[in-house]
Amino acid sequence: MAATCLSGTSGALYYKPAGTKGTFTPSKVTIGTEVIEVDPFLNFKVGDPVKFSIINAATGEAGTGTLPAGLNDSATFFISSYNATTGALKVSATNGGSDVDLTSTGTVASPNEFQVEYGAFESVTQVREWTFEIERAEIDVTTIGGTPGQNVPFREYIAGFGDGTGSATAYMTNEDTAMVNRMIQDVFQRQQVGASFKLYIDQVFSGGTLSDTLSRSIEFPATLTSASMNVNPDDAQAVTVNFRPAGDVNFDFNQT
């Protein structure tokens, strides 16, 4: 069967905002006020969808324990308030609803802890194009004192650490809550924990819903490094955001 070349028209960029992952312990949960104290100076916004989980802080993998009563690890909650100075956070079960009633502080033993993070990747619909480049470092392992010969010996190398860089060009809009505007502002967010990209090469929908099984994508936590803006009377206002991986890169190029 002949192969069909992919087209950039099926590409897309999805994003999780920077500063939207925090941890806490039972001592940081206050029953009665419904306050959860996470790290200060994060980037949670009212209305952000979030999920709770338990992680092992030593490994970063899933941990053991019991979440505070009123929370669970399957539902999506919404930020109802967040104080960046104190880290005081409240959540609701519905966007704009009343604060979740916390009736216990939960149980967890070190190195396990509770985690709250942005719920899911959001589409940045104003992106014109994105680029992503990966490379491997070369380590010179050439030795001296080899057997003499007629030809000059060649240097020997082995593959070293991987690295990558990327960029996305997007159009600014007059919508204050647009994810594209938030992505641009995140370049200046001091704590960028939680920032992640999912770059779709081939975005496939099934039954009206995006199917990650059928789509091809590149996913990674990211550090946003710079933004450059272009404003002139003849063109739409474009911004190029540059980023690089901040952890493992997952390539999902299969449709199985």
C-alpha atoms as a PDB file:
ATOM      1  CA  MET A   1       0.000   0.000   0.000  1.00  0.00           C
ATOM      2  CA  ALA A   2       1.368   3.414  -0.950  1.00  0.00           C
ATOM      3  CA  ALA A   3       2.275   5.756   1.900  1.00  0.00           C
ATOM      4  CA  THR A   4       0.513   9.102   2.214  1.00  0.00           C
ATOM      5  CA  CYS A   5       2.589  12.099   3.232  1.00  0.00           C
ATOM      6  CA  LEU A   6       1.351  13.959   6.297  1.00  0.00           C
ATOM      7  CA  SER A   7       0.313  17.585   5.991  1.00  0.00           C
ATOM      8  CA  GLY A   8       0.953  20.379   8.420  1.00  0.00           C
ATOM      9  CA  THR A   9      -2.750  21.223   8.302  1.00  0.00           C
ATOM     10  CA  SER A  10      -3.352  18.353  10.735  1.00  0.00           C
ATOM     11  CA  GLY A  11      -0.794  19.648  13.237  1.00  0.00           C
ATOM     12  CA  ALA A  12      -1.643  21.434  16.485  1.00  0.00           C
ATOM     13  CA  LEU A  13      -0.130  22.717  19.730  1.00  0.00           C
ATOM     14  CA  TYR A  14      -1.566  21.907  23.152  1.00  0.00           C
ATOM     15  CA  TYR A  15      -0.241  23.448  26.365  1.00  0.00           C
ATOM     16  CA  LYS A  16      -0.327  23.265  30.159  1.00  0.00           C
ATOM     17  CA  PRO A  17       0.471  26.644  31.773  1.00  0.00           C
ATOM     18  CA  ALA A  18       3.619  27.285  33.805  1.00  0.00           C
ATOM     19  CA  GLY A  19       3.454  27.421  37.581  1.00  0.00           C
ATOM     20  CA  THR A  20       0.443  25.114  37.800  1.00  0.00           C
ATOM     21  CA  LYS A  21       1.801  22.202  39.828  1.00  0.00           C
ATOM     22  CA  GLY A  22       2.094  22.253  43.612  1.00  0.00           C
ATOM     23  CA  THR A  23       2.481  19.835  46.511  1.00  0.00           C
ATOM     24  CA  PHE A  24       1.209  19.771  50.082  1.00  0.00           C
ATOM     25  CA  THR A  25       0.963  17.552  53.149  1.00  0.00           C
ATOM     26  CA  PRO A  26      -1.883  16.870  55.613  1.00  0.00           C
ATOM     27  CA  SER A  27      -0.605  19.656  57.888  1.00  0.00           C
ATOM     28  CA  LYS A  28      -1.290  22.153  55.089  1.00  0.00           C
ATOM     29  CA  VAL A  29      -5.018  21.313  54.935  1.00  0.00           C
ATOM     30  CA  THR A  30      -7.306  23.390  57.175  1.00  0.00           C
ATOM     31  CA  ILE A  31     -10.728  21.934  57.908  1.00  0.00           C
ATOM     32  CA  GLY A  32     -13.438  24.560  58.254  1.00  0.00           C
ATOM     33  CA  THR A  33     -11.857  27.165  56.005  1.00  0.00           C
ATOM     34  CA  GLU A  34     -11.359  24.636  53.137  1.00  0.00           C
ATOM     35  CA  VAL A  35      -7.870  26.055  52.550  1.00  0.00           C
ATOM     36  CA  ILE A  36      -5.055  23.985  51.045  1.00  0.00           C
ATOM     37  CA  GLU A  37      -1.653  25.613  51.399  1.00  0.00           C
ATOM     38  CA  VAL A  38       0.637  24.925  48.441  1.00  0.00           C
ATOM     39  CA  ASP A  39       3.757  26.735  47.282  1.00  0.00           C
ATOM     40  CA  PRO A  40       3.518  30.539  47.014  1.00  0.00           C
ATOM     41  CA  PHE A  41       4.092  32.495  43.800  1.00  0.00           C
ATOM     42  CA  LEU A  42       2.666  29.833  41.533  1.00  0.00           C
ATOM     43  CA  ASN A  43       0.455  30.700  38.566  1.00  0.00           C
ATOM     44  CA  PHE A  44      -2.943  29.224  39.390  1.00  0.00           C
ATOM     45  CA  LYS A  45      -5.857  31.286  38.054  1.00  0.00           C
ATOM     46  CA  VAL A  46      -9.482  31.238  39.160  1.00  0.00           C
ATOM     47  CA  GLY A  47     -11.282  28.731  36.971  1.00  0.00           C
ATOM     48  CA  ASP A  48      -8.221  26.597  36.192  1.00  0.00           C
ATOM     49  CA  PRO A  49      -9.150  22.892  35.923  1.00  0.00           C
ATOM     50  CA  VAL A  50      -6.962  20.817  38.270  1.00  0.00           C
ATOM     51  CA  LYS A  51      -6.552  17.243  39.411  1.00  0.00           C
ATOM     52  CA  PHE A  52      -5.255  15.822  42.682  1.00  0.00           C
ATOM     53  CA  SER A  53      -2.981  12.822  43.176  1.00  0.00           C
ATOM     54  CA  ILE A  54      -0.478  11.279  45.561  1.00  0.00           C
ATOM     55  CA  ILE A  55       3.147  11.097  44.446  1.00  0.00           C
ATOM     56  CA  ASN A  56       6.395   9.735  45.812  1.00  0.00           C
ATOM     57  CA  ALA A  57       8.563  12.837  46.097  1.00  0.00           C
ATOM     58  CA  ALA A  58      11.748  10.750  45.921  1.00  0.00           C
ATOM     59  CA  THR A  59      10.907   9.094  42.590  1.00  0.00           C
ATOM     60  CA  GLY A  60       8.220  11.289  41.063  1.00  0.00           C
ATOM     61  CA  GLU A  61       6.079   8.209  40.538  1.00  0.00           C
ATOM     62  CA  ALA A  62       2.646   7.441  41.982  1.00  0.00           C
ATOM     63  CA  GLY A  63       2.649   7.289  45.774  1.00  0.00           C
ATOM     64  CA  THR A  64       0.486   5.806  48.513  1.00  0.00           C
ATOM     65  CA  GLY A  65      -1.876   7.386  50.999  1.00  0.00           C
ATOM     66  CA  THR A  66      -5.370   8.847  51.229  1.00  0.00           C
ATOM     67  CA  LEU A  67      -6.379  12.224  49.825  1.00  0.00           C
ATOM     68  CA  PRO A  68      -8.276  14.644  52.094  1.00  0.00           C
ATOM     69  CA  ALA A  69     -11.969  13.755  52.252  1.00  0.00           C
ATOM     70  CA  GLY A  70     -13.810  15.832  49.647  1.00  0.00           C
ATOM     71  CA  LEU A  71     -11.080  15.305  47.049  1.00  0.00           C
ATOM     72  CA  ASN A  72     -10.344  12.356  44.775  1.00  0.00           C
ATOM     73  CA  ASP A  73      -7.906  11.474  42.020  1.00  0.00           C
ATOM     74  CA  SER A  74     -10.476  10.919  39.254  1.00  0.00           C
ATOM     75  CA  ALA A  75     -12.567  14.094  39.122  1.00  0.00           C
ATOM     76  CA  THR A  76     -11.553  17.474  37.732  1.00  0.00           C
ATOM     77  CA  PHE A  77     -11.809  20.350  40.212  1.00  0.00           C
ATOM     78  CA  PHE A  78     -11.594  24.088  39.572  1.00  0.00           C
ATOM     79  CA  ILE A  79      -9.570  26.788  41.307  1.00  0.00           C
ATOM     80  CA  SER A  80     -11.941  29.060  43.221  1.00  0.00           C
ATOM     81  CA  SER A  81      -9.176  31.170  44.787  1.00  0.00           C
ATOM     82  CA  TYR A  82      -5.390  31.265  45.092  1.00  0.00           C
ATOM     83  CA  ASN A  83      -3.270  33.692  47.110  1.00  0.00           C
ATOM     84  CA  ALA A  84       0.144  33.923  45.457  1.00  0.00           C
ATOM     85  CA  THR A  85       1.750  35.431  48.560  1.00  0.00           C
ATOM     86  CA  THR A  86       0.660  32.750  51.024  1.00  0.00           C
ATOM     87  CA  GLY A  87      -0.030  29.812  48.716  1.00  0.00           C
ATOM     88  CA  ALA A  88      -3.578  29.470  50.096  1.00  0.00           C
ATOM     89  CA  LEU A  89      -5.699  27.627  47.554  1.00  0.00           C
ATOM     90  CA  LYS A  90      -9.363  26.638  47.408  1.00  0.00           C
ATOM     91  CA  VAL A  91     -11.140  24.471  44.847  1.00  0.00           C
ATOM     92  CA  SER A  92     -14.710  23.810  43.775  1.00  0.00           C
ATOM     93  CA  ALA A  93     -16.340  20.802  42.133  1.00  0.00           C
ATOM     94  CA  THR A  94     -17.754  22.989  39.345  1.00  0.00           C
ATOM     95  CA  ASN A  95     -16.356  26.096  37.723  1.00  0.00           C
ATOM     96  CA  GLY A  96     -17.699  29.032  39.745  1.00  0.00           C
ATOM     97  CA  GLY A  97     -19.292  26.738  42.349  1.00  0.00           C
ATOM     98  CA  SER A  98     -18.906  26.710  46.117  1.00  0.00           C
ATOM     99  CA  ASP A  99     -15.671  25.616  47.784  1.00  0.00           C
ATOM    100  CA  VAL A 100     -15.237  21.880  48.296  1.00  0.00           C
ATOM    101  CA  ASP A 101     -16.001  20.880  51.889  1.00  0.00           C
ATOM    102  CA  LEU A 102     -12.845  19.246  53.266  1.00  0.00           C
ATOM    103  CA  THR A 103     -13.761  16.965  56.179  1.00  0.00           C
ATOM    104  CA  SER A 104     -10.353  15.360  56.793  1.00  0.00           C
ATOM    105  CA  THR A 105      -6.713  16.253  56.164  1.00  0.00           C
ATOM    106  CA  GLY A 106      -5.868  12.937  54.520  1.00  0.00           C
ATOM    107  CA  THR A 107      -3.031  10.579  55.344  1.00  0.00           C
ATOM    108  CA  VAL A 108       0.361  10.319  53.723  1.00  0.00           C
ATOM    109  CA  ALA A 109       3.825   9.307  54.958  1.00  0.00           C
ATOM    110  CA  SER A 110       7.150  10.708  53.736  1.00  0.00           C
ATOM    111  CA  PRO A 111       8.414  10.640  51.018  1.00  0.00           C
ATOM    112  CA  ASN A 112       4.820  10.626  49.732  1.00  0.00           C
ATOM    113  CA  GLU A 113       2.875  13.856  49.399  1.00  0.00           C
ATOM    114  CA  PHE A 114      -0.255  15.272  47.804  1.00  0.00           C
ATOM    115  CA  GLN A 115      -0.069  16.993  44.438  1.00  0.00           C
ATOM    116  CA  VAL A 116      -2.363  19.388  42.590  1.00  0.00           C
ATOM    117  CA  GLU A 117      -1.703  20.143  38.926  1.00  0.00           C
ATOM    118  CA  TYR A 118      -3.360  21.571  35.836  1.00  0.00           C
ATOM    119  CA  GLY A 119      -5.951  19.052  34.698  1.00  0.00           C
ATOM    120  CA  ALA A 120      -5.288  18.502  30.991  1.00  0.00           C
ATOM    121  CA  PHE A 121      -3.594  19.956  27.926  1.00  0.00           C
ATOM    122  CA  GLU A 122      -5.460  22.873  26.351  1.00  0.00           C
ATOM    123  CA  SER A 123      -5.449  23.665  22.643  1.00  0.00           C
ATOM    124  CA  VAL A 124      -3.731  26.911  21.647  1.00  0.00           C
ATOM    125  CA  THR A 125      -5.868  27.619  18.609  1.00  0.00           C
ATOM    126  CA  GLN A 126      -4.066  30.786  17.492  1.00  0.00           C
ATOM    127  CA  VAL A 127      -0.763  29.036  16.669  1.00  0.00           C
ATOM    128  CA  ARG A 128       0.410  29.514  13.083  1.00  0.00           C
ATOM    129  CA  GLU A 129       3.329  27.078  13.258  1.00  0.00           C
ATOM    130  CA  TRP A 130       5.627  25.274  15.651  1.00  0.00           C
ATOM    131  CA  THR A 131       9.120  23.827  15.313  1.00  0.00           C
ATOM    132  CA  PHE A 132      11.025  21.342  17.442  1.00  0.00           C
ATOM    133  CA  GLU A 133      14.636  20.223  17.085  1.00  0.00           C
ATOM    134  CA  ILE A 134      16.442  17.485  19.020  1.00  0.00           C
ATOM    135  CA  GLU A 135      20.116  16.543  19.057  1.00  0.00           C
ATOM    136  CA  ARG A 136      22.599  14.300  20.812  1.00  0.00           C
ATOM    137  CA  ALA A 137      25.917  15.501  22.219  1.00  0.00           C
ATOM    138  CA  GLU A 138      29.084  13.849  20.887  1.00  0.00           C
ATOM    139  CA  ILE A 139      31.705  12.627  23.355  1.00  0.00           C
ATOM    140  CA  ASP A 140      35.207  12.292  21.953  1.00  0.00           C
ATOM    141  CA  VAL A 141      36.716   8.936  23.042  1.00  0.00           C
ATOM    142  CA  THR A 142      39.711   8.960  20.704  1.00  0.00           C
ATOM    143  CA  THR A 143      42.796   7.241  22.128  1.00  0.00           C
ATOM    144  CA  ILE A 144      46.482   7.606  21.265  1.00  0.00           C
ATOM    145  CA  GLY A 145      49.166   5.001  20.726  1.00  0.00           C
ATOM    146  CA  GLY A 146      47.304   2.937  18.153  1.00  0.00           C
ATOM    147  CA  THR A 147      48.861   0.699  15.531  1.00  0.00           C
ATOM    148  CA  PRO A 148      50.703   2.716  12.853  1.00  0.00           C
ATOM    149  CA  GLY A 149      49.224   2.588   9.370  1.00  0.00           C
ATOM    150  CA  GLN A 150      49.364   4.242   5.998  1.00  0.00           C
ATOM    151  CA  ASN A 151      46.272   6.394   6.594  1.00  0.00           C
ATOM    152  CA  VAL A 152      45.604   8.918   9.304  1.00  0.00           C
ATOM    153  CA  PRO A 153      43.444   7.507  12.136  1.00  0.00           C
ATOM    154  CA  PHE A 154      39.970   8.956  12.605  1.00  0.00           C
ATOM    155  CA  ARG A 155      38.580  10.288  15.834  1.00  0.00           C
ATOM    156  CA  GLU A 156      36.070   8.106  17.685  1.00  0.00           C
ATOM    157  CA  TYR A 157      32.862   9.360  19.262  1.00  0.00           C
ATOM    158  CA  ILE A 158      30.032   7.998  21.368  1.00  0.00           C
ATOM    159  CA  ALA A 159      26.589   9.541  21.796  1.00  0.00           C
ATOM    160  CA  GLY A 160      26.081  11.735  24.857  1.00  0.00           C
ATOM    161  CA  PHE A 161      23.136  13.533  26.430  1.00  0.00           C
ATOM    162  CA  GLY A 162      20.136  14.647  24.413  1.00  0.00           C
ATOM    163  CA  ASP A 163      18.886  18.206  24.126  1.00  0.00           C
ATOM    164  CA  GLY A 164      16.208  20.054  22.263  1.00  0.00           C
ATOM    165  CA  THR A 165      14.817  23.454  21.377  1.00  0.00           C
ATOM    166  CA  GLY A 166      11.502  24.572  19.994  1.00  0.00           C
ATOM    167  CA  SER A 167       9.437  27.582  19.075  1.00  0.00           C
ATOM    168  CA  ALA A 168       5.838  28.456  18.303  1.00  0.00           C
ATOM    169  CA  THR A 169       4.544  31.452  16.375  1.00  0.00           C
ATOM    170  CA  ALA A 170       1.099  32.543  17.487  1.00  0.00           C
ATOM    171  CA  TYR A 171      -1.267  35.453  16.989  1.00  0.00           C
ATOM    172  CA  MET A 172      -2.296  37.597  19.936  1.00  0.00           C
ATOM    173  CA  THR A 173      -6.007  38.181  20.485  1.00  0.00           C
ATOM    174  CA  ASN A 174      -8.163  40.640  22.410  1.00  0.00           C
ATOM    175  CA  GLU A 175      -9.512  37.823  24.597  1.00  0.00           C
ATOM    176  CA  ASP A 176      -7.997  38.197  28.062  1.00  0.00           C
ATOM    177  CA  THR A 177      -8.388  34.536  28.961  1.00  0.00           C
ATOM    178  CA  ALA A 178      -7.023  33.108  25.681  1.00  0.00           C
ATOM    179  CA  MET A 179      -4.447  30.374  26.304  1.00  0.00           C
ATOM    180  CA  VAL A 180      -2.121  31.948  23.729  1.00  0.00           C
ATOM    181  CA  ASN A 181      -1.861  35.124  25.811  1.00  0.00           C
ATOM    182  CA  ARG A 182      -1.181  33.080  28.925  1.00  0.00           C
ATOM    183  CA  MET A 183       1.558  31.122  27.163  1.00  0.00           C
ATOM    184  CA  ILE A 184       3.281  34.383  26.223  1.00  0.00           C
ATOM    185  CA  GLN A 185       3.051  35.723  29.768  1.00  0.00           C
ATOM    186  CA  ASP A 186       4.416  32.449  31.149  1.00  0.00           C
ATOM    187  CA  VAL A 187       7.844  33.302  29.747  1.00  0.00           C
ATOM    188  CA  PHE A 188       8.136  35.686  32.710  1.00  0.00           C
ATOM    189  CA  GLN A 189       6.659  33.289  35.285  1.00  0.00           C
ATOM    190  CA  ARG A 190       9.384  32.729  37.871  1.00  0.00           C
ATOM    191  CA  GLN A 191       8.324  29.190  38.781  1.00  0.00           C
ATOM    192  CA  GLN A 192       7.599  27.329  35.563  1.00  0.00           C
ATOM    193  CA  VAL A 193       6.844  23.949  37.123  1.00  0.00           C
ATOM    194  CA  GLY A 194       3.911  22.381  35.310  1.00  0.00           C
ATOM    195  CA  ALA A 195       4.601  23.962  31.921  1.00  0.00           C
ATOM    196  CA  SER A 196       4.217  21.249  29.282  1.00  0.00           C
ATOM    197  CA  PHE A 197       3.737  20.995  25.533  1.00  0.00           C
ATOM    198  CA  LYS A 198       1.993  18.409  23.416  1.00  0.00           C
ATOM    199  CA  LEU A 199       2.916  18.994  19.796  1.00  0.00           C
ATOM    200  CA  TYR A 200       0.629  17.163  17.394  1.00  0.00           C
ATOM    201  CA  ILE A 201       2.103  16.166  14.048  1.00  0.00           C
ATOM    202  CA  ASP A 202      -1.051  14.373  12.963  1.00  0.00           C
ATOM    203  CA  GLN A 203      -4.138  15.306  14.995  1.00  0.00           C
ATOM    204  CA  VAL A 204      -6.911  12.728  14.526  1.00  0.00           C
ATOM    205  CA  PHE A 205     -10.459  12.953  15.874  1.00  0.00           C
ATOM    206  CA  SER A 206     -12.740  10.000  16.466  1.00  0.00           C
ATOM    207  CA  GLY A 207     -16.437  10.553  17.138  1.00  0.00           C
ATOM    208  CA  GLY A 208     -15.801  14.290  17.496  1.00  0.00           C
ATOM    209  CA  THR A 209     -13.154  13.766  20.225  1.00  0.00           C
ATOM    210  CA  LEU A 210      -9.385  14.053  19.880  1.00  0.00           C
ATOM    211  CA  SER A 211      -7.934  10.520  19.906  1.00  0.00           C
ATOM    212  CA  ASP A 212      -4.422  10.233  21.315  1.00  0.00           C
ATOM    213  CA  THR A 213      -4.404   6.609  20.209  1.00  0.00           C
ATOM    214  CA  LEU A 214      -4.826   7.571  16.553  1.00  0.00           C
ATOM    215  CA  SER A 215      -2.822  10.817  16.672  1.00  0.00           C
ATOM    216  CA  ARG A 216       0.932  11.316  16.434  1.00  0.00           C
ATOM    217  CA  SER A 217       2.511  13.696  18.927  1.00  0.00           C
ATOM    218  CA  ILE A 218       5.557  14.821  20.928  1.00  0.00           C
ATOM    219  CA  GLU A 219       5.012  15.512  24.640  1.00  0.00           C
ATOM    220  CA  PHE A 220       7.391  16.971  27.245  1.00  0.00           C
ATOM    221  CA  PRO A 221       7.645  19.262  30.275  1.00  0.00           C
ATOM    222  CA  ALA A 222       9.118  22.563  29.182  1.00  0.00           C
ATOM    223  CA  THR A 223      10.984  25.687  30.137  1.00  0.00           C
ATOM    224  CA  LEU A 224       9.886  28.815  28.272  1.00  0.00           C
ATOM    225  CA  THR A 225      12.953  30.875  27.476  1.00  0.00           C
ATOM    226  CA  SER A 226      11.952  33.919  25.416  1.00  0.00           C
ATOM    227  CA  ALA A 227       9.236  35.681  23.466  1.00  0.00           C
ATOM    228  CA  SER A 228       9.618  38.082  20.549  1.00  0.00           C
ATOM    229  CA  MET A 229       6.788  40.269  19.281  1.00  0.00           C
ATOM    230  CA  ASN A 230       6.049  41.749  15.896  1.00  0.00           C
ATOM    231  CA  VAL A 231       3.674  44.730  15.712  1.00  0.00           C
ATOM    232  CA  ASN A 232       3.093  46.672  12.493  1.00  0.00           C
ATOM    233  CA  PRO A 233       0.050  48.180  10.783  1.00  0.00           C
ATOM    234  CA  ASP A 234      -0.006  45.648   7.932  1.00  0.00           C
ATOM    235  CA  ASP A 235      -0.013  42.299   9.728  1.00  0.00           C
ATOM    236  CA  ALA A 236      -1.721  40.515  12.572  1.00  0.00           C
ATOM    237  CA  GLN A 237       0.218  40.822  15.833  1.00  0.00           C
ATOM    238  CA  ALA A 238       2.455  37.753  15.993  1.00  0.00           C
ATOM    239  CA  VAL A 239       4.541  36.466  18.884  1.00  0.00           C
ATOM    240  CA  THR A 240       7.214  33.767  18.747  1.00  0.00           C
ATOM    241  CA  VAL A 241       7.710  31.846  21.996  1.00  0.00           C
ATOM    242  CA  ASN A 242      10.881  29.785  22.401  1.00  0.00           C
ATOM    243  CA  PHE A 243      11.153  26.791  24.707  1.00  0.00           C
ATOM    244  CA  ARG A 244      13.202  23.715  25.500  1.00  0.00           C
ATOM    245  CA  PRO A 245      12.468  20.361  27.164  1.00  0.00           C
ATOM    246  CA  ALA A 246      12.752  20.292  30.959  1.00  0.00           C
ATOM    247  CA  GLY A 247      12.530  16.495  31.179  1.00  0.00           C
ATOM    248  CA  ASP A 248      11.997  13.350  29.172  1.00  0.00           C
ATOM    249  CA  VAL A 249      10.510  13.742  25.682  1.00  0.00           C
ATOM    250  CA  ASN A 250       7.830  11.231  24.698  1.00  0.00           C
ATOM    251  CA  PHE A 251       7.515  10.531  20.974  1.00  0.00           C
ATOM    252  CA  ASP A 252       4.235   8.863  20.071  1.00  0.00           C
ATOM    253  CA  PHE A 253       4.413   8.292  16.320  1.00  0.00           C
ATOM    254  CA  ASN A 254       2.282   5.133  16.218  1.00  0.00           C
ATOM    255  CA  GLN A 255      -1.438   4.839  15.631  1.00  0.00           C
ATOM    256  CA  THR A 256      -1.858   1.823  17.912  1.00  0.00           C
END
